[in-house]
C-alpha atoms as a PDB file:
ATOM      1  CA  MET A   1     242.534  -6.678  25.155  1.00  0.00           C
ATOM      2  CA  THR A   2     244.883  -3.895  26.261  1.00  0.00           C
ATOM      3  CA  THR A   3     248.076  -3.428  24.283  1.00  0.00           C
ATOM      4  CA  THR A   4     251.150  -2.107  26.076  1.00  0.00           C
ATOM      5  CA  ALA A   5     254.337  -0.527  24.734  1.00  0.00           C
ATOM      6  CA  VAL A   6     257.627   0.478  26.371  1.00  0.00           C
ATOM      7  CA  GLY A   7     259.205   3.890  25.846  1.00  0.00           C
ATOM      8  CA  ALA A   8     257.244   5.119  22.848  1.00  0.00           C
ATOM      9  CA  VAL A   9     253.760   5.654  21.501  1.00  0.00           C
ATOM     10  CA  THR A  10     252.618   6.867  18.098  1.00  0.00           C
ATOM     11  CA  ILE A  11     249.475   8.988  17.979  1.00  0.00           C
ATOM     12  CA  THR A  12     247.765   9.069  14.584  1.00  0.00           C
ATOM     13  CA  ILE A  13     245.166  11.764  13.847  1.00  0.00           C
ATOM     14  CA  ASP A  14     243.051  12.167  10.717  1.00  0.00           C
ATOM     15  CA  ASP A  15     241.273  15.187   9.221  1.00  0.00           C
ATOM     16  CA  LYS A  16     238.080  14.491  11.210  1.00  0.00           C
ATOM     17  CA  LYS A  17     240.021  14.457  14.522  1.00  0.00           C
ATOM     18  CA  ASN A  18     239.769  10.678  14.832  1.00  0.00           C
ATOM     19  CA  LYS A  19     242.756   9.407  16.754  1.00  0.00           C
ATOM     20  CA  SER A  20     244.427   6.089  17.364  1.00  0.00           C
ATOM     21  CA  TYR A  21     247.390   4.959  19.425  1.00  0.00           C
ATOM     22  CA  SER A  22     250.047   2.374  18.619  1.00  0.00           C
ATOM     23  CA  ALA A  23     249.372   0.982  22.122  1.00  0.00           C
ATOM     24  CA  ASP A  24     246.587   1.437  24.691  1.00  0.00           C
ATOM     25  CA  GLU A  25     249.091   2.012  27.482  1.00  0.00           C
ATOM     26  CA  VAL A  26     252.778   2.903  27.469  1.00  0.00           C
ATOM     27  CA  THR A  27     255.396   2.319  30.165  1.00  0.00           C
ATOM     28  CA  PRO A  28     258.510   4.521  30.410  1.00  0.00           C
ATOM     29  CA  ASP A  29     261.749   2.935  29.182  1.00  0.00           C
ATOM     30  CA  GLU A  30     264.824   2.262  31.359  1.00  0.00           C
ATOM     31  CA  ASN A  31     265.566   6.027  31.322  1.00  0.00           C
ATOM     32  CA  ASN A  32     262.026   6.774  32.585  1.00  0.00           C
ATOM     33  CA  GLN A  33     261.118   8.304  29.216  1.00  0.00           C
ATOM     34  CA  VAL A  34     258.209   8.042  26.813  1.00  0.00           C
ATOM     35  CA  VAL A  35     258.553   9.412  23.284  1.00  0.00           C
ATOM     36  CA  MET A  36     255.235  10.552  21.789  1.00  0.00           C
ATOM     37  CA  THR A  37     255.227  10.877  18.005  1.00  0.00           C
ATOM     38  CA  LEU A  38     252.363  12.502  16.084  1.00  0.00           C
ATOM     39  CA  VAL A  39     251.409  11.177  12.658  1.00  0.00           C
ATOM     40  CA  SER A  40     248.906  12.960  10.398  1.00  0.00           C
ATOM     41  CA  SER A  41     246.806  10.627   8.256  1.00  0.00           C
ATOM     42  CA  GLY A  42     245.095  13.101   5.974  1.00  0.00           C
ATOM     43  CA  SER A  43     245.559  16.482   4.369  1.00  0.00           C
ATOM     44  CA  LYS A  44     245.842  18.286   7.726  1.00  0.00           C
ATOM     45  CA  SER A  45     249.199  18.522   9.454  1.00  0.00           C
ATOM     46  CA  TRP A  46     248.970  17.997  13.232  1.00  0.00           C
ATOM     47  CA  THR A  47     251.655  19.332  15.607  1.00  0.00           C
ATOM     48  CA  TYR A  48     252.006  19.905  19.337  1.00  0.00           C
ATOM     49  CA  LYS A  49     250.771  23.235  20.713  1.00  0.00           C
ATOM     50  CA  ASP A  50     253.156  25.631  22.500  1.00  0.00           C
ATOM     51  CA  LYS A  51     252.293  23.995  25.820  1.00  0.00           C
ATOM     52  CA  PRO A  52     252.100  20.458  24.461  1.00  0.00           C
ATOM     53  CA  ILE A  53     251.114  18.518  27.552  1.00  0.00           C
ATOM     54  CA  THR A  54     249.306  18.797  30.867  1.00  0.00           C
ATOM     55  CA  ILE A  55     250.048  16.154  33.487  1.00  0.00           C
ATOM     56  CA  LYS A  56     247.886  15.680  36.567  1.00  0.00           C
ATOM     57  CA  ASN A  57     250.773  15.379  39.072  1.00  0.00           C
ATOM     58  CA  ASP A  58     253.310  17.313  37.043  1.00  0.00           C
ATOM     59  CA  ALA A  59     255.944  17.751  39.774  1.00  0.00           C
ATOM     60  CA  ASN A  60     257.273  14.315  38.780  1.00  0.00           C
ATOM     61  CA  PHE A  61     257.530  14.999  35.042  1.00  0.00           C
ATOM     62  CA  THR A  62     259.412  17.030  32.486  1.00  0.00           C
ATOM     63  CA  TRP A  63     258.807  17.262  28.750  1.00  0.00           C
ATOM     64  CA  THR A  64     261.039  18.225  25.849  1.00  0.00           C
ATOM     65  CA  PRO A  65     260.167  18.831  22.180  1.00  0.00           C
ATOM     66  CA  GLU A  66     262.548  16.694  20.108  1.00  0.00           C
ATOM     67  CA  ASP A  67     262.211  18.016  16.578  1.00  0.00           C
ATOM     68  CA  GLY A  68     261.795  21.317  14.801  1.00  0.00           C
ATOM     69  CA  GLY A  69     258.581  20.117  13.167  1.00  0.00           C
ATOM     70  CA  GLY A  70     256.574  19.821  16.387  1.00  0.00           C
ATOM     71  CA  THR A  71     255.702  16.150  16.035  1.00  0.00           C
ATOM     72  CA  VAL A  72     257.989  14.426  18.574  1.00  0.00           C
ATOM     73  CA  LEU A  73     257.783  14.980  22.326  1.00  0.00           C
ATOM     74  CA  THR A  74     259.789  13.220  25.059  1.00  0.00           C
ATOM     75  CA  VAL A  75     258.201  12.970  28.501  1.00  0.00           C
ATOM     76  CA  THR A  76     260.402  11.995  31.445  1.00  0.00           C
ATOM     77  CA  ASP A  77     258.834  10.512  34.587  1.00  0.00           C
ATOM     78  CA  SER A  78     260.986  10.714  37.719  1.00  0.00           C
ATOM     79  CA  GLY A  79     259.132   7.683  39.104  1.00  0.00           C
ATOM     80  CA  ASP A  80     259.044   9.281  42.566  1.00  0.00           C
ATOM     81  CA  ASP A  81     255.288   8.821  42.847  1.00  0.00           C
ATOM     82  CA  LYS A  82     255.086   5.216  41.704  1.00  0.00           C
ATOM     83  CA  LYS A  83     253.340   3.874  44.790  1.00  0.00           C
ATOM     84  CA  LYS A  84     250.770   6.702  44.881  1.00  0.00           C
ATOM     85  CA  HIS A  85     249.998   6.974  41.153  1.00  0.00           C
ATOM     86  CA  PRO A  86     250.824   3.839  39.145  1.00  0.00           C
ATOM     87  CA  LYS A  87     248.849   5.230  36.170  1.00  0.00           C
ATOM     88  CA  HIS A  88     248.953   8.827  34.968  1.00  0.00           C
ATOM     89  CA  ASP A  89     246.530  10.931  33.036  1.00  0.00           C
ATOM     90  CA  TYR A  90     248.259  13.088  30.474  1.00  0.00           C
ATOM     91  CA  THR A  91     246.406  15.489  28.252  1.00  0.00           C
ATOM     92  CA  VAL A  92     248.318  16.142  25.070  1.00  0.00           C
ATOM     93  CA  HIS A  93     247.445  19.354  23.215  1.00  0.00           C
ATOM     94  CA  VAL A  94     247.728  19.419  19.429  1.00  0.00           C
ATOM     95  CA  LYS A  95     246.744  21.759  16.611  1.00  0.00           C
ATOM     96  CA  SER A  96     246.356  21.463  12.862  1.00  0.00           C
ATOM     97  CA  ASN A  97     247.737  23.675  10.131  1.00  0.00           C
ATOM     98  CA  ASP A  98     244.216  25.068   9.548  1.00  0.00           C
ATOM     99  CA  GLY A  99     243.548  26.035  13.179  1.00  0.00           C
ATOM    100  CA  ASP A 100     241.747  22.960  14.552  1.00  0.00           C
ATOM    101  CA  GLU A 101     242.712  21.957  18.095  1.00  0.00           C
ATOM    102  CA  LEU A 102     242.418  18.637  19.870  1.00  0.00           C
ATOM    103  CA  ASP A 103     243.208  17.307  23.348  1.00  0.00           C
ATOM    104  CA  ILE A 104     244.139  13.632  23.559  1.00  0.00           C
ATOM    105  CA  ASP A 105     244.934  11.350  26.474  1.00  0.00           C
ATOM    106  CA  PRO A 106     247.408   8.499  26.085  1.00  0.00           C
ATOM    107  CA  LYS A 107     247.659   6.369  29.238  1.00  0.00           C
ATOM    108  CA  ILE A 108     251.070   6.166  30.908  1.00  0.00           C
ATOM    109  CA  VAL A 109     251.789   3.372  33.406  1.00  0.00           C
ATOM    110  CA  ASP A 110     254.767   3.454  35.800  1.00  0.00           C
ATOM    111  CA  ARG A 111     257.468   0.812  35.470  1.00  0.00           C
END
């Protein structure tokens, strides 16, 4: 069963790079935004890389880091491509305090 959230998703990563999401799919909120929060569940500290996200059709998106610690990212979807691309593939780029890197892919669904 697919779980869906509105406006926010939490991404939890452990020391072995296992990841989980608070929801399988997330839909932007009424402001067309999705807040992605990283949570580390081990001794490693995971943060977003300098270019934190790659979006397949990125002309319709902007992203903004929201905290000085590198764990909260807001993605804004203009919604202009809703009929062409109801689901989007994001690749989120994270790194750990000891140099490990990981690419993850939460699923974003248009409103």
